[in-house]
Amino acid sequence: MKPQFLKSELIKRSSLIFLASASASLIAFFANLFISKILGPEYFGVFKTIIYLFAFLPIIADLGINSSLTKYIAEFGEKSKKVKHLIYWFLKVKIASYFLLILITFFLKDYIAFYFLKDVNLNYLIIAGIFFLACNFFLTFSFIILGYQNFKLFSLTQFLSSALPAILAVLLSPFGVFYMILGWGLGLLIGNLPNILYILNRKIGNFEKFNVKRIFFSFRLPIFPVEMTLALTNAIIPLLSLFFSQKLIGYYSFAFMFYYVTMLIPISLSTALFPKVSELNGLKKHKDAKSILRKSFLYYSFVAVIGLIFVILLSEWFIKLISEEYLPSLPLFEAIVSLGFIFGYNVIYCNYLKGLGKVKKYALFTLTQNILLILISFILLNLY
């Protein structure tokens, strides 16, 4: 591999993903800001509890399939005859697991409403949540595109999948929270249509059958609990809702929006890093993989330092400027956003480890990050 990749290709790929993610996140941020104002802290807490809960549950049905698709499509190479069989095999398993999860969730909807929303009369919102859960299935196609390393299409659909749910939720806001949640799910489906069409139209030719179960035991099965620890980020708001009022959850949800803003650059860098490290690992070019990791850390450090300075000096002014009614979330804002910048290093390193197939180390670093986030959040909310 030419060293020029380190300076040009990595920046080019991550910049493309970052621009798509940043622009979509900016749209989603203002949409969420609008939603937080029209719903108020309490119902904003209800809305976010449903969204995060049903964004977490699909991880259970995923069984590590998403990461496996990205890793092995990149490692086999897009022209490999094994790729088509790999995709078909995994999709059939995932459809079955999603169907089972949807059935279980439907029969438990009253309990979910009672424990998470503290009102069984809100069980109709769980139906909307199930629709959102089902639409999460189509995110699988983004991971297939990432395995093909088609970063232009991936960036486009990342933009659509991030921006459209929030936009549709705002457009449907006059009809209530139920339809806002439906719109959120529909946005995911529409956003992934270009990926689906690309894969359906792709002429792969005859496929070669092979023992996919080997991947199940060597990567997918071990990666499943790892992905569950990673998904704790989505579980944090539903988890906290079990212990705190929906008004406090609304305050926390407002602060938590900014956590994802801080993670944009490390996620963008690591999204380009992961499939490339997988490819280099397959080629046994481990030194090149380490070089890419060092460059990623270097690029990110500049952003992290500036971000932390902003949080320390300007957080209060910033919240007053955009939404003074959520000023009580200032301690949450400062703590969570600071953690986001610090954890950015861990996000990059975890994707490097995942690309190498070092599942145990990846699990350890991911689990530590999310446990710290949960504990700190719990402590902060207890101070109110």
Protein backbone atom coordinates (compact mmCIF):
# COMPACT_ATOMS: atom_id res chain seq x y z
CA MET A 1 0.00 0.00 0.00
CA LYS A 2 1.31 3.44 -0.88
CA PRO A 3 2.01 5.78 2.04
CA GLN A 4 0.00 8.46 0.24
CA PHE A 5 -3.16 6.72 1.46
CA LEU A 6 -2.29 7.84 4.97
CA LYS A 7 -2.37 11.49 4.03
CA SER A 8 -4.88 11.68 1.21
CA GLU A 9 -7.21 8.68 0.95
CA LEU A 10 -7.98 8.39 4.67
CA ILE A 11 -8.71 12.10 4.89
CA LYS A 12 -10.78 11.98 1.70
CA ARG A 13 -12.90 9.05 2.83
CA SER A 14 -13.40 10.23 6.41
CA SER A 15 -14.08 13.79 5.24
CA LEU A 16 -16.81 12.58 2.89
CA ILE A 17 -18.44 10.59 5.67
CA PHE A 18 -17.97 13.46 8.12
CA LEU A 19 -19.61 16.00 5.79
CA ALA A 20 -22.59 13.69 5.30
CA SER A 21 -22.87 12.93 9.02
CA ALA A 22 -22.24 16.52 10.11
CA SER A 23 -24.81 18.03 7.76
CA ALA A 24 -27.40 15.38 8.65
CA SER A 25 -26.68 15.80 12.35
CA LEU A 26 -27.08 19.55 12.04
CA ILE A 27 -30.51 19.03 10.47
CA ALA A 28 -31.40 16.41 13.08
CA PHE A 29 -30.18 18.70 15.86
CA PHE A 30 -32.46 21.56 14.87
CA ALA A 31 -35.31 19.11 14.35
CA ASN A 32 -34.77 17.66 17.82
CA LEU A 33 -34.50 21.16 19.24
CA PHE A 34 -37.86 21.97 17.67
CA ILE A 35 -39.35 18.73 19.00
CA SER A 36 -38.00 19.42 22.50
CA LYS A 37 -39.73 22.83 22.47
CA ILE A 38 -43.14 21.68 21.23
CA LEU A 39 -43.28 18.60 23.48
CA GLY A 40 -41.73 20.08 26.61
CA PRO A 41 -39.29 18.23 28.90
CA GLU A 42 -41.75 15.53 30.06
CA TYR A 43 -43.10 14.39 26.69
CA PHE A 44 -39.72 14.94 25.07
CA GLY A 45 -38.48 12.41 27.62
CA VAL A 46 -41.25 10.00 26.59
CA PHE A 47 -40.47 10.49 22.91
CA LYS A 48 -36.74 9.93 23.37
CA THR A 49 -37.28 6.91 25.64
CA ILE A 50 -39.25 5.19 22.85
CA ILE A 51 -36.76 6.16 20.15
CA TYR A 52 -33.72 4.97 22.10
CA LEU A 53 -35.39 1.83 23.43
CA PHE A 54 -36.41 0.66 19.96
CA ALA A 55 -33.03 1.63 18.55
CA PHE A 56 -31.43 -0.61 21.19
CA LEU A 57 -33.66 -3.68 20.76
CA PRO A 58 -32.61 -4.31 17.11
CA ILE A 59 -29.08 -4.96 18.35
CA ILE A 60 -30.49 -8.10 19.98
CA ALA A 61 -31.91 -9.25 16.64
CA ASP A 62 -28.73 -8.29 14.80
CA LEU A 63 -26.63 -11.05 16.44
CA GLY A 64 -23.45 -9.34 15.23
CA ILE A 65 -24.48 -9.71 11.58
CA ASN A 66 -23.88 -6.07 10.58
CA SER A 67 -20.23 -6.05 11.58
CA SER A 68 -19.70 -9.49 10.10
CA LEU A 69 -21.04 -8.37 6.72
CA THR A 70 -18.78 -5.32 6.61
CA LYS A 71 -15.69 -7.22 7.73
CA TYR A 72 -15.97 -10.26 5.48
CA ILE A 73 -17.20 -8.49 2.35
CA ALA A 74 -14.15 -6.22 2.64
CA GLU A 75 -11.86 -9.12 3.50
CA PHE A 76 -13.07 -11.45 0.73
CA GLY A 77 -13.05 -8.64 -1.82
CA GLU A 78 -16.09 -7.38 -3.72
CA LYS A 79 -15.43 -9.66 -6.70
CA SER A 80 -15.31 -12.81 -4.61
CA LYS A 81 -18.02 -15.35 -5.44
CA LYS A 82 -18.39 -16.01 -1.71
CA VAL A 83 -19.83 -12.56 -1.04
CA LYS A 84 -23.29 -13.20 -2.51
CA HIS A 85 -23.74 -16.39 -0.51
CA LEU A 86 -22.53 -14.58 2.62
CA ILE A 87 -25.12 -11.80 2.18
CA TYR A 88 -28.03 -14.17 1.47
CA TRP A 89 -27.20 -16.43 4.39
CA PHE A 90 -26.95 -13.60 6.91
CA LEU A 91 -30.08 -11.81 5.69
CA LYS A 92 -32.20 -14.95 6.12
CA VAL A 93 -31.00 -15.37 9.69
CA LYS A 94 -31.62 -11.72 10.48
CA ILE A 95 -35.16 -11.71 9.08
CA ALA A 96 -36.04 -14.66 11.32
CA SER A 97 -34.53 -13.04 14.42
CA TYR A 98 -36.33 -9.73 13.77
CA PHE A 99 -39.66 -11.49 13.34
CA LEU A 100 -39.26 -13.24 16.69
CA LEU A 101 -38.27 -10.03 18.48
CA ILE A 102 -41.24 -8.13 17.06
CA LEU A 103 -43.66 -10.82 18.29
CA ILE A 104 -42.19 -10.78 21.80
CA THR A 105 -42.25 -6.99 21.97
CA PHE A 106 -45.87 -6.85 20.86
CA PHE A 107 -47.04 -9.26 23.58
CA LEU A 108 -45.08 -7.32 26.23
CA LYS A 109 -46.21 -3.84 25.15
CA ASP A 110 -48.23 -3.16 28.34
CA TYR A 111 -45.28 -4.02 30.58
CA ILE A 112 -42.92 -1.91 28.49
CA ALA A 113 -45.25 1.09 28.76
CA PHE A 114 -45.66 0.63 32.51
CA TYR A 115 -41.99 0.26 33.43
CA PHE A 116 -40.33 2.61 30.93
CA LEU A 117 -43.01 5.28 30.46
CA LYS A 118 -44.65 4.80 33.87
CA ASP A 119 -48.10 4.82 32.28
CA VAL A 120 -49.71 1.69 30.81
CA ASN A 121 -52.15 3.92 28.91
CA LEU A 122 -49.24 4.91 26.67
CA ASN A 123 -48.97 1.33 25.33
CA TYR A 124 -50.16 2.55 21.92
CA LEU A 125 -46.79 4.29 21.57
CA ILE A 126 -45.14 0.86 21.80
CA ILE A 127 -46.92 -0.11 18.55
CA ALA A 128 -45.26 2.85 16.85
CA GLY A 129 -41.99 1.77 18.44
CA ILE A 130 -42.36 -1.72 16.95
CA PHE A 131 -42.75 -0.17 13.49
CA PHE A 132 -39.57 1.82 14.12
CA LEU A 133 -37.85 -1.39 15.24
CA ALA A 134 -38.86 -3.16 12.02
CA CYS A 135 -37.52 -0.29 9.90
CA ASN A 136 -34.16 -0.64 11.65
CA PHE A 137 -33.71 -3.86 9.70
CA PHE A 138 -32.95 -1.90 6.55
CA LEU A 139 -29.84 -0.36 8.16
CA THR A 140 -28.25 -3.73 7.41
CA PHE A 141 -27.80 -2.67 3.81
CA SER A 142 -25.59 0.24 4.88
CA PHE A 143 -23.13 -2.23 6.39
CA ILE A 144 -23.10 -4.20 3.14
CA ILE A 145 -22.29 -1.03 1.19
CA LEU A 146 -19.55 -0.23 3.70
CA GLY A 147 -18.07 -3.67 3.11
CA TYR A 148 -17.94 -2.87 -0.59
CA GLN A 149 -16.15 0.36 0.45
CA ASN A 150 -18.51 2.42 -1.68
CA PHE A 151 -18.05 5.49 0.49
CA LYS A 152 -19.97 7.86 -1.77
CA LEU A 153 -23.15 5.81 -1.59
CA PHE A 154 -22.58 5.06 2.07
CA SER A 155 -22.19 8.77 2.82
CA LEU A 156 -25.36 9.61 0.89
CA THR A 157 -27.47 7.07 2.73
CA GLN A 158 -25.89 8.01 6.07
CA PHE A 159 -27.10 11.54 5.41
CA LEU A 160 -30.59 10.39 4.44
CA SER A 161 -30.90 7.90 7.32
CA SER A 162 -29.84 10.52 9.86
CA ALA A 163 -31.75 13.53 8.53
CA LEU A 164 -35.02 12.05 7.20
CA PRO A 165 -36.25 10.49 10.49
CA ALA A 166 -36.00 13.81 12.32
CA ILE A 167 -37.50 15.75 9.40
CA LEU A 168 -40.49 13.42 9.11
CA ALA A 169 -40.99 13.52 12.88
CA VAL A 170 -41.19 17.31 12.75
CA LEU A 171 -43.61 17.25 9.78
CA LEU A 172 -45.86 14.79 11.62
CA SER A 173 -45.61 16.59 14.98
CA PRO A 174 -49.08 18.21 14.64
CA PHE A 175 -50.57 14.70 14.78
CA GLY A 176 -48.88 13.70 18.04
CA VAL A 177 -46.04 11.56 19.40
CA PHE A 178 -47.40 8.32 17.89
CA TYR A 179 -47.09 9.61 14.32
CA MET A 180 -43.76 11.27 15.08
CA ILE A 181 -42.35 7.86 15.99
CA LEU A 182 -43.84 6.33 12.83
CA GLY A 183 -42.16 9.09 10.82
CA TRP A 184 -38.86 8.36 12.49
CA GLY A 185 -39.01 4.75 11.35
CA LEU A 186 -40.20 5.62 7.86
CA GLY A 187 -37.20 7.93 7.50
CA LEU A 188 -34.85 4.98 8.08
CA LEU A 189 -36.60 2.94 5.41
CA ILE A 190 -36.54 5.72 2.80
CA GLY A 191 -32.94 6.62 3.64
CA ASN A 192 -31.74 3.10 2.86
CA LEU A 193 -33.61 2.65 -0.43
CA PRO A 194 -30.52 3.65 -2.51
CA ASN A 195 -28.51 0.91 -0.77
CA ILE A 196 -31.20 -1.68 -1.42
CA LEU A 197 -31.48 -0.73 -5.09
CA TYR A 198 -27.69 -0.80 -5.51
CA ILE A 199 -27.43 -4.32 -4.09
CA LEU A 200 -30.40 -5.62 -6.08
CA ASN A 201 -28.95 -4.24 -9.32
CA ARG A 202 -25.42 -5.43 -8.63
CA LYS A 203 -24.37 -8.23 -10.96
CA ILE A 204 -22.27 -10.48 -8.79
CA GLY A 205 -22.62 -13.56 -10.98
CA ASN A 206 -22.67 -17.12 -9.71
CA PHE A 207 -22.04 -17.41 -6.01
CA GLU A 208 -19.84 -19.90 -4.26
CA LYS A 209 -21.28 -21.73 -1.29
CA PHE A 210 -19.03 -22.15 1.72
CA ASN A 211 -19.28 -22.87 5.42
CA VAL A 212 -20.68 -19.59 6.78
CA LYS A 213 -21.05 -21.24 10.19
CA ARG A 214 -17.28 -20.89 10.56
CA ILE A 215 -17.78 -17.12 10.58
CA PHE A 216 -20.58 -17.55 13.09
CA PHE A 217 -18.30 -19.23 15.59
CA SER A 218 -15.10 -17.31 14.85
CA PHE A 219 -16.42 -13.75 14.55
CA ARG A 220 -20.18 -13.26 14.54
CA LEU A 221 -21.02 -15.21 17.72
CA PRO A 222 -18.19 -13.63 19.76
CA ILE A 223 -18.97 -10.15 18.36
CA PHE A 224 -22.64 -10.35 19.46
CA PRO A 225 -22.05 -9.59 23.16
CA VAL A 226 -19.54 -6.98 22.06
CA GLU A 227 -22.16 -5.23 19.95
CA MET A 228 -24.52 -5.40 22.92
CA THR A 229 -22.00 -3.52 25.05
CA LEU A 230 -21.62 -0.98 22.26
CA ALA A 231 -25.40 -0.61 22.10
CA LEU A 232 -25.49 0.47 25.73
CA THR A 233 -25.20 4.00 24.34
CA ASN A 234 -28.72 3.60 22.95
CA ALA A 235 -29.89 1.86 26.12
CA ILE A 236 -28.82 4.59 28.51
CA ILE A 237 -31.95 6.76 28.25
CA PRO A 238 -34.41 3.83 28.56
CA LEU A 239 -32.31 2.49 31.44
CA LEU A 240 -32.35 5.82 33.26
CA SER A 241 -36.10 6.12 32.64
CA LEU A 242 -36.59 3.17 34.98
CA PHE A 243 -35.28 5.28 37.88
CA PHE A 244 -36.06 8.92 37.10
CA SER A 245 -39.07 10.99 36.06
CA GLN A 246 -39.74 11.66 32.40
CA LYS A 247 -39.10 15.37 33.02
CA LEU A 248 -35.55 14.62 34.17
CA ILE A 249 -35.17 12.24 31.24
CA GLY A 250 -36.23 15.10 28.98
CA TYR A 251 -33.51 17.33 30.43
CA TYR A 252 -30.99 14.55 30.05
CA SER A 253 -32.10 13.77 26.49
CA PHE A 254 -31.46 17.39 25.55
CA ALA A 255 -27.91 17.21 26.91
CA PHE A 256 -27.37 13.78 25.38
CA MET A 257 -28.04 15.12 21.87
CA PHE A 258 -24.70 16.86 22.05
CA TYR A 259 -22.87 13.67 22.94
CA TYR A 260 -23.49 12.45 19.40
CA VAL A 261 -22.35 15.75 17.97
CA THR A 262 -18.99 15.33 19.67
CA MET A 263 -18.67 11.82 18.27
CA LEU A 264 -19.11 12.83 14.62
CA ILE A 265 -15.44 13.12 13.74
CA PRO A 266 -14.17 9.98 15.53
CA ILE A 267 -17.05 7.97 14.07
CA SER A 268 -16.28 9.32 10.61
CA LEU A 269 -12.61 8.47 10.92
CA SER A 270 -13.29 5.00 12.30
CA THR A 271 -15.94 4.25 9.68
CA ALA A 272 -13.29 4.63 6.99
CA LEU A 273 -10.70 2.93 9.20
CA PHE A 274 -12.57 -0.30 9.96
CA PRO A 275 -13.02 -1.82 6.48
CA LYS A 276 -9.53 -0.72 5.43
CA VAL A 277 -7.95 -2.36 8.48
CA SER A 278 -10.00 -5.49 7.73
CA GLU A 279 -8.65 -5.51 4.19
CA LEU A 280 -5.04 -4.97 5.34
CA ASN A 281 -5.47 -7.65 8.00
CA GLY A 282 -6.51 -10.09 5.30
CA LEU A 283 -3.39 -9.12 3.33
CA LYS A 284 -1.20 -9.46 6.49
CA LYS A 285 -0.10 -5.81 6.22
CA HIS A 286 -0.22 -5.09 9.94
CA LYS A 287 2.31 -2.22 9.91
CA ASP A 288 0.19 -0.32 7.42
CA ALA A 289 -2.86 -0.81 9.63
CA LYS A 290 -1.00 0.63 12.64
CA SER A 291 0.14 3.60 10.57
CA ILE A 292 -3.46 4.41 9.67
CA LEU A 293 -4.41 4.21 13.35
CA ARG A 294 -1.65 6.66 14.37
CA LYS A 295 -2.71 9.11 11.67
CA SER A 296 -6.33 8.90 12.82
CA PHE A 297 -5.33 9.72 16.41
CA LEU A 298 -3.25 12.66 15.20
CA TYR A 299 -6.08 14.15 13.14
CA TYR A 300 -8.57 13.70 15.95
CA SER A 301 -6.41 15.27 18.69
CA PHE A 302 -6.69 18.69 17.10
CA VAL A 303 -10.50 18.51 17.25
CA ALA A 304 -10.65 17.07 20.77
CA VAL A 305 -8.50 19.81 22.32
CA ILE A 306 -10.50 22.63 20.74
CA GLY A 307 -13.77 20.94 21.72
CA LEU A 308 -12.83 20.55 25.38
CA ILE A 309 -11.81 24.22 25.58
CA PHE A 310 -15.21 25.17 24.17
CA VAL A 311 -17.04 23.02 26.73
CA ILE A 312 -15.11 24.46 29.68
CA LEU A 313 -15.45 28.12 28.70
CA LEU A 314 -18.65 28.51 26.68
CA SER A 315 -21.22 25.84 27.64
CA GLU A 316 -23.48 28.08 29.69
CA TRP A 317 -23.48 30.83 27.07
CA PHE A 318 -24.22 28.28 24.35
CA ILE A 319 -27.26 26.74 26.08
CA LYS A 320 -28.68 30.18 26.90
CA LEU A 321 -28.33 31.09 23.26
CA ILE A 322 -30.13 28.09 21.78
CA SER A 323 -32.65 27.04 24.44
CA GLU A 324 -32.62 28.68 27.85
CA GLU A 325 -35.43 26.49 29.18
CA TYR A 326 -32.98 23.57 29.23
CA LEU A 327 -30.34 25.45 31.22
CA PRO A 328 -30.92 23.07 34.18
CA SER A 329 -29.15 20.45 32.03
CA LEU A 330 -25.90 22.47 32.12
CA PRO A 331 -24.03 20.03 34.44
CA LEU A 332 -25.20 17.15 32.25
CA PHE A 333 -24.16 19.02 29.13
CA GLU A 334 -20.64 19.78 30.40
CA ALA A 335 -20.02 16.25 31.67
CA ILE A 336 -21.49 14.32 28.73
CA VAL A 337 -19.96 16.49 26.00
CA SER A 338 -16.54 16.35 27.65
CA LEU A 339 -16.80 12.58 27.87
CA GLY A 340 -17.74 12.50 24.20
CA PHE A 341 -14.52 14.22 23.15
CA ILE A 342 -12.42 11.97 25.40
CA PHE A 343 -14.19 8.79 24.33
CA GLY A 344 -13.55 9.69 20.70
CA TYR A 345 -10.08 8.16 21.00
CA ASN A 346 -11.62 4.94 22.25
CA VAL A 347 -14.11 4.84 19.36
CA ILE A 348 -11.28 5.03 16.83
CA TYR A 349 -9.20 2.40 18.63
CA CYS A 350 -12.16 0.02 19.04
CA ASN A 351 -12.85 0.08 15.30
CA TYR A 352 -9.17 -0.66 14.69
CA LEU A 353 -9.40 -3.68 17.02
CA LYS A 354 -12.63 -4.79 15.35
CA GLY A 355 -10.96 -4.65 11.96
CA LEU A 356 -8.21 -6.92 13.28
CA GLY A 357 -10.78 -9.33 14.69
CA LYS A 358 -9.54 -8.81 18.27
CA VAL A 359 -12.95 -9.29 19.78
CA LYS A 360 -12.00 -9.57 23.48
CA LYS A 361 -10.03 -6.32 23.54
CA TYR A 362 -12.73 -4.58 21.53
CA ALA A 363 -15.35 -5.75 24.04
CA LEU A 364 -13.31 -4.63 27.04
CA PHE A 365 -12.67 -1.09 25.77
CA THR A 366 -16.26 -0.66 24.57
CA LEU A 367 -17.80 -1.99 27.78
CA THR A 368 -15.59 0.24 29.93
CA GLN A 369 -16.59 3.33 27.97
CA ASN A 370 -20.32 2.67 28.23
CA ILE A 371 -20.28 1.67 31.88
CA LEU A 372 -18.50 4.92 32.72
CA LEU A 373 -21.06 6.86 30.71
CA ILE A 374 -23.97 5.16 32.49
CA LEU A 375 -22.50 5.57 35.98
CA ILE A 376 -21.63 9.23 35.50
CA SER A 377 -25.07 9.94 34.05
CA PHE A 378 -26.79 8.18 36.96
CA ILE A 379 -24.76 10.16 39.49
CA LEU A 380 -25.50 13.46 37.76
CA LEU A 381 -29.25 12.82 37.65
CA ASN A 382 -29.23 11.91 41.33
CA LEU A 383 -27.89 15.38 42.10
CA TYR A 384 -31.14 17.01 40.92
